[in-house]
Amino acid sequence: MSDTPSIQIDSDWKRQAQEEKRKLAEEQAKSKAPPAAAPAQQSAAPAARRLPEPSFATLVQSSMTQALYYLGELAEEGEQPPLSLDMAKHHIDTLAILDQKTKGNLTPDEQRLLDQTIYDLRARFVGIARQMIQ
């Protein structure tokens, strides 16, 4: 026997590959919608994953969520919630700076949201910090 590998050539493989490629191209051509319908299809897909509109409330809620996460109040199901008072304090302080820098420039609803969020987060922070000391 020879040490060189034996190579067998299947003469049908190229024809089969070309036939599969042709069928796939036909299926894709059939599934494509006319150009007038294409924008509707494209806008429907992102709607399922739509991000919230950028707004002051979204900004406040984002920082609030981060603070709650580091206070150990948000966790994946079945996982131990993380607890980092330093990171929680950082996010609460960031909201307090936002409050200082936007004084007089917020609508009454925006100011209420920010005030209430800071108050609630500070109260939770103090409660958790006291539990850790005891």
C-alpha atoms as a PDB file:
ATOM      1  CA  MET A   1       0.000   0.000   0.000  1.00  0.00           C
ATOM      2  CA  SER A   2       1.015   3.513  -0.706  1.00  0.00           C
ATOM      3  CA  ASP A   3       1.344   6.229   1.986  1.00  0.00           C
ATOM      4  CA  THR A   4      -0.541   8.763  -0.135  1.00  0.00           C
ATOM      5  CA  PRO A   5      -4.236   9.043   0.627  1.00  0.00           C
ATOM      6  CA  SER A   6      -6.693   7.789  -1.891  1.00  0.00           C
ATOM      7  CA  ILE A   7      -8.832  10.564  -3.383  1.00  0.00           C
ATOM      8  CA  GLN A   8     -12.208   9.694  -4.776  1.00  0.00           C
ATOM      9  CA  ILE A   9     -13.881  12.229  -6.994  1.00  0.00           C
ATOM     10  CA  ASP A  10     -17.639  12.396  -7.084  1.00  0.00           C
ATOM     11  CA  SER A  11     -18.541  13.934 -10.392  1.00  0.00           C
ATOM     12  CA  ASP A  12     -22.096  14.662  -9.253  1.00  0.00           C
ATOM     13  CA  TRP A  13     -21.194  16.883  -6.276  1.00  0.00           C
ATOM     14  CA  LYS A  14     -20.690  20.035  -8.325  1.00  0.00           C
ATOM     15  CA  ARG A  15     -23.973  19.582 -10.171  1.00  0.00           C
ATOM     16  CA  GLN A  16     -25.791  18.915  -6.871  1.00  0.00           C
ATOM     17  CA  ALA A  17     -24.268  22.005  -5.251  1.00  0.00           C
ATOM     18  CA  GLN A  18     -25.269  24.181  -8.210  1.00  0.00           C
ATOM     19  CA  GLU A  19     -28.818  22.782  -8.113  1.00  0.00           C
ATOM     20  CA  GLU A  20     -29.121  23.492  -4.369  1.00  0.00           C
ATOM     21  CA  LYS A  21     -27.804  27.010  -4.905  1.00  0.00           C
ATOM     22  CA  ARG A  22     -30.337  27.609  -7.677  1.00  0.00           C
ATOM     23  CA  LYS A  23     -33.229  26.341  -5.508  1.00  0.00           C
ATOM     24  CA  LEU A  24     -32.136  28.526  -2.615  1.00  0.00           C
ATOM     25  CA  ALA A  25     -31.970  31.582  -4.870  1.00  0.00           C
ATOM     26  CA  GLU A  26     -35.474  30.835  -6.185  1.00  0.00           C
ATOM     27  CA  GLU A  27     -36.872  30.492  -2.650  1.00  0.00           C
ATOM     28  CA  GLN A  28     -35.278  33.781  -1.606  1.00  0.00           C
ATOM     29  CA  ALA A  29     -36.638  35.524  -4.698  1.00  0.00           C
ATOM     30  CA  LYS A  30     -40.147  34.222  -3.932  1.00  0.00           C
ATOM     31  CA  SER A  31     -39.991  35.334  -0.298  1.00  0.00           C
ATOM     32  CA  LYS A  32     -38.903  38.881  -1.135  1.00  0.00           C
ATOM     33  CA  ALA A  33     -41.730  41.409  -1.093  1.00  0.00           C
ATOM     34  CA  PRO A  34     -42.179  44.082  -3.726  1.00  0.00           C
ATOM     35  CA  PRO A  35     -40.141  47.256  -3.080  1.00  0.00           C
ATOM     36  CA  ALA A  36     -43.246  49.178  -1.908  1.00  0.00           C
ATOM     37  CA  ALA A  37     -43.815  46.681   0.915  1.00  0.00           C
ATOM     38  CA  ALA A  38     -40.180  46.464   1.987  1.00  0.00           C
ATOM     39  CA  PRO A  39     -40.188  49.544   4.288  1.00  0.00           C
ATOM     40  CA  ALA A  40     -43.212  48.192   6.174  1.00  0.00           C
ATOM     41  CA  GLN A  41     -41.435  44.919   6.796  1.00  0.00           C
ATOM     42  CA  GLN A  42     -38.274  46.654   7.931  1.00  0.00           C
ATOM     43  CA  SER A  43     -40.108  48.900  10.366  1.00  0.00           C
ATOM     44  CA  ALA A  44     -42.075  45.977  11.814  1.00  0.00           C
ATOM     45  CA  ALA A  45     -38.971  44.072  12.901  1.00  0.00           C
ATOM     46  CA  PRO A  46     -37.407  46.866  14.973  1.00  0.00           C
ATOM     47  CA  ALA A  47     -40.762  47.536  16.656  1.00  0.00           C
ATOM     48  CA  ALA A  48     -40.379  44.284  18.559  1.00  0.00           C
ATOM     49  CA  ARG A  49     -37.066  45.522  19.971  1.00  0.00           C
ATOM     50  CA  ARG A  50     -37.915  49.205  20.183  1.00  0.00           C
ATOM     51  CA  LEU A  51     -35.895  51.210  22.644  1.00  0.00           C
ATOM     52  CA  PRO A  52     -37.614  53.774  24.826  1.00  0.00           C
ATOM     53  CA  GLU A  53     -37.638  57.310  23.510  1.00  0.00           C
ATOM     54  CA  PRO A  54     -34.710  59.310  24.857  1.00  0.00           C
ATOM     55  CA  SER A  55     -36.104  61.560  27.543  1.00  0.00           C
ATOM     56  CA  PHE A  56     -35.302  62.982  30.922  1.00  0.00           C
ATOM     57  CA  ALA A  57     -37.477  60.305  32.557  1.00  0.00           C
ATOM     58  CA  THR A  58     -35.581  57.551  30.730  1.00  0.00           C
ATOM     59  CA  LEU A  59     -32.278  58.984  31.928  1.00  0.00           C
ATOM     60  CA  VAL A  60     -33.472  59.117  35.541  1.00  0.00           C
ATOM     61  CA  GLN A  61     -34.941  55.617  35.365  1.00  0.00           C
ATOM     62  CA  SER A  62     -31.730  54.237  33.881  1.00  0.00           C
ATOM     63  CA  SER A  63     -29.635  55.582  36.760  1.00  0.00           C
ATOM     64  CA  MET A  64     -32.272  54.430  39.231  1.00  0.00           C
ATOM     65  CA  THR A  65     -32.130  50.906  37.806  1.00  0.00           C
ATOM     66  CA  GLN A  66     -28.348  50.853  38.139  1.00  0.00           C
ATOM     67  CA  ALA A  67     -28.559  52.023  41.754  1.00  0.00           C
ATOM     68  CA  LEU A  68     -31.186  49.389  42.572  1.00  0.00           C
ATOM     69  CA  TYR A  69     -29.011  46.735  40.943  1.00  0.00           C
ATOM     70  CA  TYR A  70     -26.043  47.651  43.141  1.00  0.00           C
ATOM     71  CA  LEU A  71     -28.280  47.811  46.213  1.00  0.00           C
ATOM     72  CA  GLY A  72     -28.970  44.143  45.571  1.00  0.00           C
ATOM     73  CA  GLU A  73     -32.613  44.632  44.667  1.00  0.00           C
ATOM     74  CA  LEU A  74     -32.374  43.416  41.083  1.00  0.00           C
ATOM     75  CA  ALA A  75     -30.906  40.087  40.049  1.00  0.00           C
ATOM     76  CA  GLU A  76     -31.327  37.339  37.514  1.00  0.00           C
ATOM     77  CA  GLU A  77     -33.705  34.638  38.629  1.00  0.00           C
ATOM     78  CA  GLY A  78     -31.915  32.112  40.816  1.00  0.00           C
ATOM     79  CA  GLU A  79     -28.784  34.249  41.213  1.00  0.00           C
ATOM     80  CA  GLN A  80     -27.493  36.016  44.289  1.00  0.00           C
ATOM     81  CA  PRO A  81     -28.147  39.761  43.879  1.00  0.00           C
ATOM     82  CA  PRO A  82     -24.964  41.829  43.752  1.00  0.00           C
ATOM     83  CA  LEU A  83     -24.387  44.344  46.512  1.00  0.00           C
ATOM     84  CA  SER A  84     -22.003  47.261  46.121  1.00  0.00           C
ATOM     85  CA  LEU A  85     -22.815  50.258  48.256  1.00  0.00           C
ATOM     86  CA  ASP A  86     -20.023  52.256  46.612  1.00  0.00           C
ATOM     87  CA  MET A  87     -21.500  51.796  43.136  1.00  0.00           C
ATOM     88  CA  ALA A  88     -25.036  52.423  44.403  1.00  0.00           C
ATOM     89  CA  LYS A  89     -23.861  55.637  46.066  1.00  0.00           C
ATOM     90  CA  HIS A  90     -22.156  56.672  42.823  1.00  0.00           C
ATOM     91  CA  HIS A  91     -25.421  56.380  40.872  1.00  0.00           C
ATOM     92  CA  ILE A  92     -27.420  58.150  43.587  1.00  0.00           C
ATOM     93  CA  ASP A  93     -24.837  60.951  43.692  1.00  0.00           C
ATOM     94  CA  THR A  94     -24.988  61.221  39.904  1.00  0.00           C
ATOM     95  CA  LEU A  95     -28.732  61.794  40.147  1.00  0.00           C
ATOM     96  CA  ALA A  96     -28.133  64.416  42.847  1.00  0.00           C
ATOM     97  CA  ILE A  97     -25.700  66.237  40.530  1.00  0.00           C
ATOM     98  CA  LEU A  98     -28.277  66.064  37.765  1.00  0.00           C
ATOM     99  CA  ASP A  99     -30.769  67.630  40.188  1.00  0.00           C
ATOM    100  CA  GLN A 100     -28.361  70.466  41.016  1.00  0.00           C
ATOM    101  CA  LYS A 101     -27.436  71.169  37.397  1.00  0.00           C
ATOM    102  CA  THR A 102     -31.016  71.214  36.125  1.00  0.00           C
ATOM    103  CA  LYS A 103     -32.572  73.426  38.833  1.00  0.00           C
ATOM    104  CA  GLY A 104     -35.173  75.675  37.254  1.00  0.00           C
ATOM    105  CA  ASN A 105     -35.017  73.912  33.885  1.00  0.00           C
ATOM    106  CA  LEU A 106     -37.320  70.955  34.512  1.00  0.00           C
ATOM    107  CA  THR A 107     -41.049  70.630  34.162  1.00  0.00           C
ATOM    108  CA  PRO A 108     -42.903  70.049  37.448  1.00  0.00           C
ATOM    109  CA  ASP A 109     -43.386  66.363  36.519  1.00  0.00           C
ATOM    110  CA  GLU A 110     -39.687  65.925  35.743  1.00  0.00           C
ATOM    111  CA  GLN A 111     -38.704  67.610  39.010  1.00  0.00           C
ATOM    112  CA  ARG A 112     -41.111  65.398  40.995  1.00  0.00           C
ATOM    113  CA  LEU A 113     -39.723  62.278  39.312  1.00  0.00           C
ATOM    114  CA  LEU A 114     -36.147  63.242  40.091  1.00  0.00           C
ATOM    115  CA  ASP A 115     -36.885  64.311  43.679  1.00  0.00           C
ATOM    116  CA  GLN A 116     -38.876  61.157  44.434  1.00  0.00           C
ATOM    117  CA  THR A 117     -36.273  58.898  42.829  1.00  0.00           C
ATOM    118  CA  ILE A 118     -33.407  60.428  44.808  1.00  0.00           C
ATOM    119  CA  TYR A 119     -35.420  60.284  48.038  1.00  0.00           C
ATOM    120  CA  ASP A 120     -36.409  56.634  47.531  1.00  0.00           C
ATOM    121  CA  LEU A 121     -32.898  55.538  46.585  1.00  0.00           C
ATOM    122  CA  ARG A 122     -31.336  57.329  49.552  1.00  0.00           C
ATOM    123  CA  ALA A 123     -33.842  55.746  51.929  1.00  0.00           C
ATOM    124  CA  ARG A 124     -33.120  52.287  50.530  1.00  0.00           C
ATOM    125  CA  PHE A 125     -29.378  52.938  50.696  1.00  0.00           C
ATOM    126  CA  VAL A 126     -29.570  53.948  54.367  1.00  0.00           C
ATOM    127  CA  GLY A 127     -31.744  50.943  55.214  1.00  0.00           C
ATOM    128  CA  ILE A 128     -29.350  48.481  53.587  1.00  0.00           C
ATOM    129  CA  ALA A 129     -26.272  50.161  55.080  1.00  0.00           C
ATOM    130  CA  ARG A 130     -27.831  49.910  58.562  1.00  0.00           C
ATOM    131  CA  GLN A 131     -28.560  46.207  58.049  1.00  0.00           C
ATOM    132  CA  MET A 132     -24.933  45.612  57.120  1.00  0.00           C
ATOM    133  CA  ILE A 133     -23.670  47.357  60.263  1.00  0.00           C
ATOM    134  CA  GLN A 134     -25.835  45.302  62.644  1.00  0.00           C
END
